[in-house]
Amino acid sequence: MKLMDKVESRERCAEAGWFAYDFLLDREIDQEFIRGLKPLGSWVFLSMLAKPFFKVESEHFMIKGILGECHFRVAVHHEHEDELIRIERLIELI
């Protein structure tokens, strides 16, 4: 999977110290990609929903998205923005 762009989200929680980014991918998110995110933290994939949803949570960030979309959202605590680099590197390996 290739990361095409990372865009700061309009939805901000900056007052709480969190910032959100939309990660834009070169293709649709599939189940293999979602399973590949497991090493990042607590992992949930609700495949039975009409729009299957996934979420990965860590102490310093949260990832959420929908199967079949070409983007997902990452919220990260401002003191741990370096976690974005770790997420980007893993995406390139999936």
PDB file of N, CA and C in Angstrom:
ATOM      1  N   MET A   1       0.860  -1.173   0.000  1.00  0.00           N
ATOM      2  CA  MET A   1       0.000   0.000   0.000  1.00  0.00           C
ATOM      3  C   MET A   1       0.898   1.225   0.000  1.00  0.00           C
ATOM      4  N   LYS A   2       0.534   2.209  -0.789  1.00  0.00           N
ATOM      5  CA  LYS A   2       1.335   3.419  -0.865  1.00  0.00           C
ATOM      6  C   LYS A   2       0.555   4.602  -0.310  1.00  0.00           C
ATOM      7  N   LEU A   3       1.212   5.363   0.555  1.00  0.00           N
ATOM      8  CA  LEU A   3       0.635   6.584   1.098  1.00  0.00           C
ATOM      9  C   LEU A   3       0.821   7.697   0.081  1.00  0.00           C
ATOM     10  N   MET A   4      -0.285   8.238  -0.416  1.00  0.00           N
ATOM     11  CA  MET A   4      -0.222   9.291  -1.433  1.00  0.00           C
ATOM     12  C   MET A   4      -0.100  10.682  -0.821  1.00  0.00           C
ATOM     13  N   ASP A   5      -0.764  10.887   0.333  1.00  0.00           N
ATOM     14  CA  ASP A   5      -0.745  12.199   0.970  1.00  0.00           C
ATOM     15  C   ASP A   5      -1.211  12.064   2.411  1.00  0.00           C
ATOM     16  N   LYS A   6      -0.828  13.024   3.209  1.00  0.00           N
ATOM     17  CA  LYS A   6      -1.263  13.120   4.599  1.00  0.00           C
ATOM     18  C   LYS A   6      -1.771  14.540   4.789  1.00  0.00           C
ATOM     19  N   VAL A   7      -3.059  14.681   5.074  1.00  0.00           N
ATOM     20  CA  VAL A   7      -3.695  15.992   5.141  1.00  0.00           C
ATOM     21  C   VAL A   7      -4.200  16.223   6.555  1.00  0.00           C
ATOM     22  N   GLU A   8      -3.864  17.385   7.111  1.00  0.00           N
ATOM     23  CA  GLU A   8      -4.380  17.714   8.428  1.00  0.00           C
ATOM     24  C   GLU A   8      -5.894  17.828   8.347  1.00  0.00           C
ATOM     25  N   SER A   9      -6.570  17.159   9.239  1.00  0.00           N
ATOM     26  CA  SER A   9      -8.030  17.116   9.227  1.00  0.00           C
ATOM     27  C   SER A   9      -8.628  18.428   9.704  1.00  0.00           C
ATOM     28  N   ARG A  10      -9.806  18.726   9.191  1.00  0.00           N
ATOM     29  CA  ARG A  10     -10.520  19.919   9.644  1.00  0.00           C
ATOM     30  C   ARG A  10     -11.089  19.720  11.035  1.00  0.00           C
ATOM     31  N   GLU A  11     -11.325  18.475  11.411  1.00  0.00           N
ATOM     32  CA  GLU A  11     -11.838  18.175  12.739  1.00  0.00           C
ATOM     33  C   GLU A  11     -10.675  18.161  13.707  1.00  0.00           C
ATOM     34  N   ARG A  12     -10.637  19.143  14.581  1.00  0.00           N
ATOM     35  CA  ARG A  12      -9.511  19.266  15.490  1.00  0.00           C
ATOM     36  C   ARG A  12      -9.934  19.094  16.929  1.00  0.00           C
ATOM     37  N   CYS A  13      -9.070  18.533  17.698  1.00  0.00           N
ATOM     38  CA  CYS A  13      -9.234  18.446  19.139  1.00  0.00           C
ATOM     39  C   CYS A  13      -7.991  19.047  19.777  1.00  0.00           C
ATOM     40  N   ALA A  14      -7.482  20.112  19.146  1.00  0.00           N
ATOM     41  CA  ALA A  14      -6.221  20.709  19.567  1.00  0.00           C
ATOM     42  C   ALA A  14      -6.277  21.190  21.009  1.00  0.00           C
ATOM     43  N   GLU A  15      -7.453  21.632  21.439  1.00  0.00           N
ATOM     44  CA  GLU A  15      -7.558  22.106  22.822  1.00  0.00           C
ATOM     45  C   GLU A  15      -7.286  20.976  23.813  1.00  0.00           C
ATOM     46  N   ALA A  16      -7.471  19.750  23.384  1.00  0.00           N
ATOM     47  CA  ALA A  16      -7.176  18.587  24.236  1.00  0.00           C
ATOM     48  C   ALA A  16      -5.782  18.040  23.957  1.00  0.00           C
ATOM     49  N   GLY A  17      -5.037  18.661  23.055  1.00  0.00           N
ATOM     50  CA  GLY A  17      -3.684  18.214  22.747  1.00  0.00           C
ATOM     51  C   GLY A  17      -3.596  17.154  21.664  1.00  0.00           C
ATOM     52  N   TRP A  18      -4.702  16.922  20.937  1.00  0.00           N
ATOM     53  CA  TRP A  18      -4.732  15.909  19.878  1.00  0.00           C
ATOM     54  C   TRP A  18      -4.906  16.571  18.527  1.00  0.00           C
ATOM     55  N   PHE A  19      -4.274  16.007  17.507  1.00  0.00           N
ATOM     56  CA  PHE A  19      -4.401  16.485  16.138  1.00  0.00           C
ATOM     57  C   PHE A  19      -4.771  15.299  15.257  1.00  0.00           C
ATOM     58  N   ALA A  20      -5.591  15.558  14.241  1.00  0.00           N
ATOM     59  CA  ALA A  20      -6.031  14.484  13.357  1.00  0.00           C
ATOM     60  C   ALA A  20      -5.508  14.713  11.949  1.00  0.00           C
ATOM     61  N   TYR A  21      -5.213  13.599  11.274  1.00  0.00           N
ATOM     62  CA  TYR A  21      -4.729  13.627   9.903  1.00  0.00           C
ATOM     63  C   TYR A  21      -5.490  12.592   9.094  1.00  0.00           C
ATOM     64  N   ASP A  22      -5.784  12.916   7.856  1.00  0.00           N
ATOM     65  CA  ASP A  22      -6.361  11.956   6.925  1.00  0.00           C
ATOM     66  C   ASP A  22      -5.228  11.424   6.059  1.00  0.00           C
ATOM     67  N   PHE A  23      -5.040  10.123   6.071  1.00  0.00           N
ATOM     68  CA  PHE A  23      -4.028   9.468   5.254  1.00  0.00           C
ATOM     69  C   PHE A  23      -4.708   9.001   3.973  1.00  0.00           C
ATOM     70  N   LEU A  24      -4.236   9.473   2.832  1.00  0.00           N
ATOM     71  CA  LEU A  24      -4.813   9.129   1.536  1.00  0.00           C
ATOM     72  C   LEU A  24      -3.941   8.068   0.876  1.00  0.00           C
ATOM     73  N   LEU A  25      -4.578   6.979   0.451  1.00  0.00           N
ATOM     74  CA  LEU A  25      -3.870   5.820  -0.084  1.00  0.00           C
ATOM     75  C   LEU A  25      -4.032   5.694  -1.594  1.00  0.00           C
ATOM     76  N   ASP A  26      -3.188   4.873  -2.197  1.00  0.00           N
ATOM     77  CA  ASP A  26      -3.220   4.678  -3.645  1.00  0.00           C
ATOM     78  C   ASP A  26      -4.276   3.669  -4.090  1.00  0.00           C
ATOM     79  N   ARG A  27      -4.927   2.997  -3.151  1.00  0.00           N
ATOM     80  CA  ARG A  27      -5.983   2.043  -3.491  1.00  0.00           C
ATOM     81  C   ARG A  27      -6.915   1.876  -2.299  1.00  0.00           C
ATOM     82  N   GLU A  28      -7.972   1.139  -2.519  1.00  0.00           N
ATOM     83  CA  GLU A  28      -8.960   0.927  -1.462  1.00  0.00           C
ATOM     84  C   GLU A  28      -8.393   0.050  -0.342  1.00  0.00           C
ATOM     85  N   ILE A  29      -8.833   0.339   0.868  1.00  0.00           N
ATOM     86  CA  ILE A  29      -8.455  -0.459   2.025  1.00  0.00           C
ATOM     87  C   ILE A  29      -9.122  -1.828   1.922  1.00  0.00           C
ATOM     88  N   ASP A  30      -8.305  -2.883   2.051  1.00  0.00           N
ATOM     89  CA  ASP A  30      -8.850  -4.240   2.033  1.00  0.00           C
ATOM     90  C   ASP A  30      -8.590  -4.906   3.387  1.00  0.00           C
ATOM     91  N   GLN A  31      -9.084  -6.122   3.546  1.00  0.00           N
ATOM     92  CA  GLN A  31      -8.935  -6.818   4.826  1.00  0.00           C
ATOM     93  C   GLN A  31      -7.474  -7.100   5.158  1.00  0.00           C
ATOM     94  N   GLU A  32      -6.666  -7.350   4.160  1.00  0.00           N
ATOM     95  CA  GLU A  32      -5.233  -7.588   4.402  1.00  0.00           C
ATOM     96  C   GLU A  32      -4.581  -6.350   5.023  1.00  0.00           C
ATOM     97  N   PHE A  33      -4.930  -5.177   4.505  1.00  0.00           N
ATOM     98  CA  PHE A  33      -4.397  -3.931   5.051  1.00  0.00           C
ATOM     99  C   PHE A  33      -4.837  -3.763   6.502  1.00  0.00           C
ATOM    100  N   ILE A  34      -6.112  -3.990   6.755  1.00  0.00           N
ATOM    101  CA  ILE A  34      -6.647  -3.822   8.106  1.00  0.00           C
ATOM    102  C   ILE A  34      -5.946  -4.776   9.076  1.00  0.00           C
ATOM    103  N   ARG A  35      -5.777  -6.033   8.688  1.00  0.00           N
ATOM    104  CA  ARG A  35      -5.071  -6.997   9.536  1.00  0.00           C
ATOM    105  C   ARG A  35      -3.610  -6.589   9.742  1.00  0.00           C
ATOM    106  N   GLY A  36      -3.024  -5.942   8.749  1.00  0.00           N
ATOM    107  CA  GLY A  36      -1.631  -5.512   8.852  1.00  0.00           C
ATOM    108  C   GLY A  36      -1.403  -4.423   9.880  1.00  0.00           C
ATOM    109  N   LEU A  37      -2.461  -3.766  10.330  1.00  0.00           N
ATOM    110  CA  LEU A  37      -2.340  -2.714  11.341  1.00  0.00           C
ATOM    111  C   LEU A  37      -2.294  -3.256  12.768  1.00  0.00           C
ATOM    112  N   LYS A  38      -2.547  -4.544  12.943  1.00  0.00           N
ATOM    113  CA  LYS A  38      -2.602  -5.146  14.281  1.00  0.00           C
ATOM    114  C   LYS A  38      -1.382  -4.851  15.161  1.00  0.00           C
ATOM    115  N   PRO A  39      -0.158  -4.845  14.616  1.00  0.00           N
ATOM    116  CA  PRO A  39       1.002  -4.616  15.484  1.00  0.00           C
ATOM    117  C   PRO A  39       1.034  -3.231  16.138  1.00  0.00           C
ATOM    118  N   LEU A  40       0.208  -2.320  15.680  1.00  0.00           N
ATOM    119  CA  LEU A  40       0.249  -0.956  16.205  1.00  0.00           C
ATOM    120  C   LEU A  40      -0.466  -0.775  17.542  1.00  0.00           C
ATOM    121  N   GLY A  41      -1.364  -1.689  17.899  1.00  0.00           N
ATOM    122  CA  GLY A  41      -2.060  -1.513  19.175  1.00  0.00           C
ATOM    123  C   GLY A  41      -3.310  -2.359  19.276  1.00  0.00           C
ATOM    124  N   SER A  42      -4.205  -1.928  20.138  1.00  0.00           N
ATOM    125  CA  SER A  42      -5.486  -2.604  20.325  1.00  0.00           C
ATOM    126  C   SER A  42      -6.286  -2.487  19.031  1.00  0.00           C
ATOM    127  N   TRP A  43      -6.726  -3.630  18.497  1.00  0.00           N
ATOM    128  CA  TRP A  43      -7.266  -3.702  17.136  1.00  0.00           C
ATOM    129  C   TRP A  43      -8.700  -4.206  17.162  1.00  0.00           C
ATOM    130  N   VAL A  44      -9.576  -3.514  16.428  1.00  0.00           N
ATOM    131  CA  VAL A  44     -10.979  -3.927  16.296  1.00  0.00           C
ATOM    132  C   VAL A  44     -11.361  -3.822  14.827  1.00  0.00           C
ATOM    133  N   PHE A  45     -12.010  -4.875  14.313  1.00  0.00           N
ATOM    134  CA  PHE A  45     -12.532  -4.846  12.944  1.00  0.00           C
ATOM    135  C   PHE A  45     -13.948  -5.400  12.986  1.00  0.00           C
ATOM    136  N   LEU A  46     -14.914  -4.553  12.712  1.00  0.00           N
ATOM    137  CA  LEU A  46     -16.321  -4.936  12.728  1.00  0.00           C
ATOM    138  C   LEU A  46     -16.752  -5.242  11.306  1.00  0.00           C
ATOM    139  N   SER A  47     -16.447  -6.453  10.866  1.00  0.00           N
ATOM    140  CA  SER A  47     -16.683  -6.856   9.479  1.00  0.00           C
ATOM    141  C   SER A  47     -18.152  -7.091   9.169  1.00  0.00           C
ATOM    142  N   MET A  48     -18.988  -7.246  10.198  1.00  0.00           N
ATOM    143  CA  MET A  48     -20.396  -7.562   9.971  1.00  0.00           C
ATOM    144  C   MET A  48     -21.245  -6.328   9.666  1.00  0.00           C
ATOM    145  N   LEU A  49     -20.698  -5.153   9.789  1.00  0.00           N
ATOM    146  CA  LEU A  49     -21.447  -3.930   9.522  1.00  0.00           C
ATOM    147  C   LEU A  49     -21.642  -3.716   8.016  1.00  0.00           C
ATOM    148  N   ALA A  50     -22.654  -2.924   7.658  1.00  0.00           N
ATOM    149  CA  ALA A  50     -22.893  -2.598   6.248  1.00  0.00           C
ATOM    150  C   ALA A  50     -21.661  -1.907   5.656  1.00  0.00           C
ATOM    151  N   LYS A  51     -21.017  -1.060   6.447  1.00  0.00           N
ATOM    152  CA  LYS A  51     -19.733  -0.443   6.087  1.00  0.00           C
ATOM    153  C   LYS A  51     -18.731  -0.918   7.133  1.00  0.00           C
ATOM    154  N   PRO A  52     -18.037  -2.026   6.859  1.00  0.00           N
ATOM    155  CA  PRO A  52     -17.106  -2.597   7.840  1.00  0.00           C
ATOM    156  C   PRO A  52     -16.081  -1.574   8.330  1.00  0.00           C
ATOM    157  N   PHE A  53     -15.984  -1.447   9.622  1.00  0.00           N
ATOM    158  CA  PHE A  53     -15.217  -0.407  10.303  1.00  0.00           C
ATOM    159  C   PHE A  53     -14.050  -1.028  11.062  1.00  0.00           C
ATOM    160  N   PHE A  54     -12.909  -0.322  11.084  1.00  0.00           N
ATOM    161  CA  PHE A  54     -11.780  -0.777  11.891  1.00  0.00           C
ATOM    162  C   PHE A  54     -11.257   0.365  12.747  1.00  0.00           C
ATOM    163  N   LYS A  55     -10.614  -0.027  13.852  1.00  0.00           N
ATOM    164  CA  LYS A  55     -10.019   0.958  14.751  1.00  0.00           C
ATOM    165  C   LYS A  55      -8.807   0.331  15.417  1.00  0.00           C
ATOM    166  N   VAL A  56      -7.737   1.107  15.516  1.00  0.00           N
ATOM    167  CA  VAL A  56      -6.528   0.695  16.219  1.00  0.00           C
ATOM    168  C   VAL A  56      -6.231   1.785  17.240  1.00  0.00           C
ATOM    169  N   GLU A  57      -6.066   1.382  18.496  1.00  0.00           N
ATOM    170  CA  GLU A  57      -5.788   2.353  19.545  1.00  0.00           C
ATOM    171  C   GLU A  57      -4.475   2.040  20.234  1.00  0.00           C
ATOM    172  N   SER A  58      -3.766   3.108  20.544  1.00  0.00           N
ATOM    173  CA  SER A  58      -2.535   3.046  21.297  1.00  0.00           C
ATOM    174  C   SER A  58      -2.624   4.136  22.354  1.00  0.00           C
ATOM    175  N   GLU A  59      -1.664   4.192  23.223  1.00  0.00           N
ATOM    176  CA  GLU A  59      -1.677   5.223  24.260  1.00  0.00           C
ATOM    177  C   GLU A  59      -1.599   6.628  23.665  1.00  0.00           C
ATOM    178  N   HIS A  60      -0.936   6.771  22.512  1.00  0.00           N
ATOM    179  CA  HIS A  60      -0.671   8.102  21.970  1.00  0.00           C
ATOM    180  C   HIS A  60      -1.369   8.396  20.651  1.00  0.00           C
ATOM    181  N   PHE A  61      -2.061   7.421  20.076  1.00  0.00           N
ATOM    182  CA  PHE A  61      -2.761   7.674  18.819  1.00  0.00           C
ATOM    183  C   PHE A  61      -3.935   6.732  18.642  1.00  0.00           C
ATOM    184  N   MET A  62      -4.787   7.077  17.678  1.00  0.00           N
ATOM    185  CA  MET A  62      -5.917   6.229  17.308  1.00  0.00           C
ATOM    186  C   MET A  62      -6.064   6.296  15.793  1.00  0.00           C
ATOM    187  N   ILE A  63      -6.304   5.146  15.181  1.00  0.00           N
ATOM    188  CA  ILE A  63      -6.532   5.039  13.738  1.00  0.00           C
ATOM    189  C   ILE A  63      -7.932   4.502  13.545  1.00  0.00           C
ATOM    190  N   LYS A  64      -8.683   5.069  12.600  1.00  0.00           N
ATOM    191  CA  LYS A  64      -9.999   4.504  12.291  1.00  0.00           C
ATOM    192  C   LYS A  64     -10.307   4.707  10.816  1.00  0.00           C
ATOM    193  N   GLY A  65     -11.041   3.748  10.269  1.00  0.00           N
ATOM    194  CA  GLY A  65     -11.387   3.826   8.855  1.00  0.00           C
ATOM    195  C   GLY A  65     -12.428   2.794   8.483  1.00  0.00           C
ATOM    196  N   ILE A  66     -12.738   2.744   7.190  1.00  0.00           N
ATOM    197  CA  ILE A  66     -13.784   1.882   6.670  1.00  0.00           C
ATOM    198  C   ILE A  66     -13.228   1.053   5.509  1.00  0.00           C
ATOM    199  N   LEU A  67     -13.530  -0.231   5.538  1.00  0.00           N
ATOM    200  CA  LEU A  67     -13.147  -1.136   4.458  1.00  0.00           C
ATOM    201  C   LEU A  67     -13.676  -0.589   3.127  1.00  0.00           C
ATOM    202  N   GLY A  68     -12.829  -0.570   2.102  1.00  0.00           N
ATOM    203  CA  GLY A  68     -13.244  -0.128   0.777  1.00  0.00           C
ATOM    204  C   GLY A  68     -12.994   1.338   0.490  1.00  0.00           C
ATOM    205  N   GLU A  69     -12.649   2.121   1.508  1.00  0.00           N
ATOM    206  CA  GLU A  69     -12.319   3.538   1.297  1.00  0.00           C
ATOM    207  C   GLU A  69     -10.841   3.649   0.916  1.00  0.00           C
ATOM    208  N   CYS A  70     -10.468   4.805   0.397  1.00  0.00           N
ATOM    209  CA  CYS A  70      -9.068   5.053   0.029  1.00  0.00           C
ATOM    210  C   CYS A  70      -8.380   5.978   1.026  1.00  0.00           C
ATOM    211  N   HIS A  71      -8.960   6.110   2.209  1.00  0.00           N
ATOM    212  CA  HIS A  71      -8.379   6.965   3.238  1.00  0.00           C
ATOM    213  C   HIS A  71      -8.777   6.453   4.617  1.00  0.00           C
ATOM    214  N   PHE A  72      -8.033   6.884   5.619  1.00  0.00           N
ATOM    215  CA  PHE A  72      -8.377   6.615   7.007  1.00  0.00           C
ATOM    216  C   PHE A  72      -7.873   7.783   7.837  1.00  0.00           C
ATOM    217  N   ARG A  73      -8.334   7.877   9.061  1.00  0.00           N
ATOM    218  CA  ARG A  73      -7.979   8.996   9.932  1.00  0.00           C
ATOM    219  C   ARG A  73      -7.073   8.520  11.053  1.00  0.00           C
ATOM    220  N   VAL A  74      -6.099   9.369  11.387  1.00  0.00           N
ATOM    221  CA  VAL A  74      -5.200   9.125  12.509  1.00  0.00           C
ATOM    222  C   VAL A  74      -5.282  10.342  13.424  1.00  0.00           C
ATOM    223  N   ALA A  75      -5.572  10.101  14.688  1.00  0.00           N
ATOM    224  CA  ALA A  75      -5.519  11.157  15.708  1.00  0.00           C
ATOM    225  C   ALA A  75      -4.310  10.848  16.575  1.00  0.00           C
ATOM    226  N   VAL A  76      -3.506  11.860  16.797  1.00  0.00           N
ATOM    227  CA  VAL A  76      -2.263  11.653  17.553  1.00  0.00           C
ATOM    228  C   VAL A  76      -2.097  12.773  18.574  1.00  0.00           C
ATOM    229  N   HIS A  77      -1.574  12.410  19.737  1.00  0.00           N
ATOM    230  CA  HIS A  77      -1.298  13.399  20.771  1.00  0.00           C
ATOM    231  C   HIS A  77      -0.110  14.246  20.324  1.00  0.00           C
ATOM    232  N   HIS A  78      -0.203  15.545  20.541  1.00  0.00           N
ATOM    233  CA  HIS A  78       0.822  16.465  19.999  1.00  0.00           C
ATOM    234  C   HIS A  78       2.225  16.167  20.502  1.00  0.00           C
ATOM    235  N   GLU A  79       2.365  15.562  21.661  1.00  0.00           N
ATOM    236  CA  GLU A  79       3.700  15.244  22.178  1.00  0.00           C
ATOM    237  C   GLU A  79       4.279  13.977  21.551  1.00  0.00           C
ATOM    238  N   HIS A  80       3.481  13.308  20.717  1.00  0.00           N
ATOM    239  CA  HIS A  80       3.928  12.035  20.135  1.00  0.00           C
ATOM    240  C   HIS A  80       3.684  11.995  18.629  1.00  0.00           C
ATOM    241  N   GLU A  81       3.874  13.123  17.968  1.00  0.00           N
ATOM    242  CA  GLU A  81       3.668  13.166  16.516  1.00  0.00           C
ATOM    243  C   GLU A  81       4.656  12.273  15.776  1.00  0.00           C
ATOM    244  N   ASP A  82       5.745  11.875  16.427  1.00  0.00           N
ATOM    245  CA  ASP A  82       6.692  10.951  15.807  1.00  0.00           C
ATOM    246  C   ASP A  82       6.043   9.593  15.529  1.00  0.00           C
ATOM    247  N   GLU A  83       4.940   9.292  16.195  1.00  0.00           N
ATOM    248  CA  GLU A  83       4.206   8.055  15.931  1.00  0.00           C
ATOM    249  C   GLU A  83       3.682   8.025  14.496  1.00  0.00           C
ATOM    250  N   LEU A  84       3.448   9.192  13.911  1.00  0.00           N
ATOM    251  CA  LEU A  84       2.985   9.250  12.519  1.00  0.00           C
ATOM    252  C   LEU A  84       3.993   8.591  11.584  1.00  0.00           C
ATOM    253  N   ILE A  85       5.271   8.777  11.857  1.00  0.00           N
ATOM    254  CA  ILE A  85       6.330   8.178  11.033  1.00  0.00           C
ATOM    255  C   ILE A  85       6.272   6.653  11.139  1.00  0.00           C
ATOM    256  N   ARG A  86       6.056   6.146  12.351  1.00  0.00           N
ATOM    257  CA  ARG A  86       5.953   4.695  12.544  1.00  0.00           C
ATOM    258  C   ARG A  86       4.763   4.129  11.774  1.00  0.00           C
ATOM    259  N   ILE A  87       3.654   4.840  11.807  1.00  0.00           N
ATOM    260  CA  ILE A  87       2.456   4.412  11.083  1.00  0.00           C
ATOM    261  C   ILE A  87       2.718   4.430   9.573  1.00  0.00           C
ATOM    262  N   GLU A  88       3.339   5.494   9.085  1.00  0.00           N
ATOM    263  CA  GLU A  88       3.647   5.605   7.656  1.00  0.00           C
ATOM    264  C   GLU A  88       4.545   4.459   7.201  1.00  0.00           C
ATOM    265  N   ARG A  89       5.541   4.131   7.988  1.00  0.00           N
ATOM    266  CA  ARG A  89       6.465   3.040   7.619  1.00  0.00           C
ATOM    267  C   ARG A  89       5.753   1.697   7.544  1.00  0.00           C
ATOM    268  N   LEU A  90       4.858   1.452   8.499  1.00  0.00           N
ATOM    269  CA  LEU A  90       4.124   0.187   8.476  1.00  0.00           C
ATOM    270  C   LEU A  90       3.217   0.105   7.253  1.00  0.00           C
ATOM    271  N   ILE A  91       2.585   1.202   6.893  1.00  0.00           N
ATOM    272  CA  ILE A  91       1.691   1.223   5.736  1.00  0.00           C
ATOM    273  C   ILE A  91       2.441   0.803   4.479  1.00  0.00           C
ATOM    274  N   GLU A  92       3.636   1.291   4.317  1.00  0.00           N
ATOM    275  CA  GLU A  92       4.445   0.953   3.142  1.00  0.00           C
ATOM    276  C   GLU A  92       4.770  -0.539   3.072  1.00  0.00           C
ATOM    277  N   LEU A  93       4.758  -1.226   4.205  1.00  0.00           N
ATOM    278  CA  LEU A  93       5.085  -2.657   4.248  1.00  0.00           C
ATOM    279  C   LEU A  93       3.883  -3.558   3.996  1.00  0.00           C
ATOM    280  N   ILE A  94       2.702  -2.994   4.145  1.00  0.00           N
ATOM    281  CA  ILE A  94       1.480  -3.803   3.991  1.00  0.00           C
ATOM    282  C   ILE A  94       1.137  -3.942   2.510  1.00  0.00           C
TER     283      ILE A  94
END
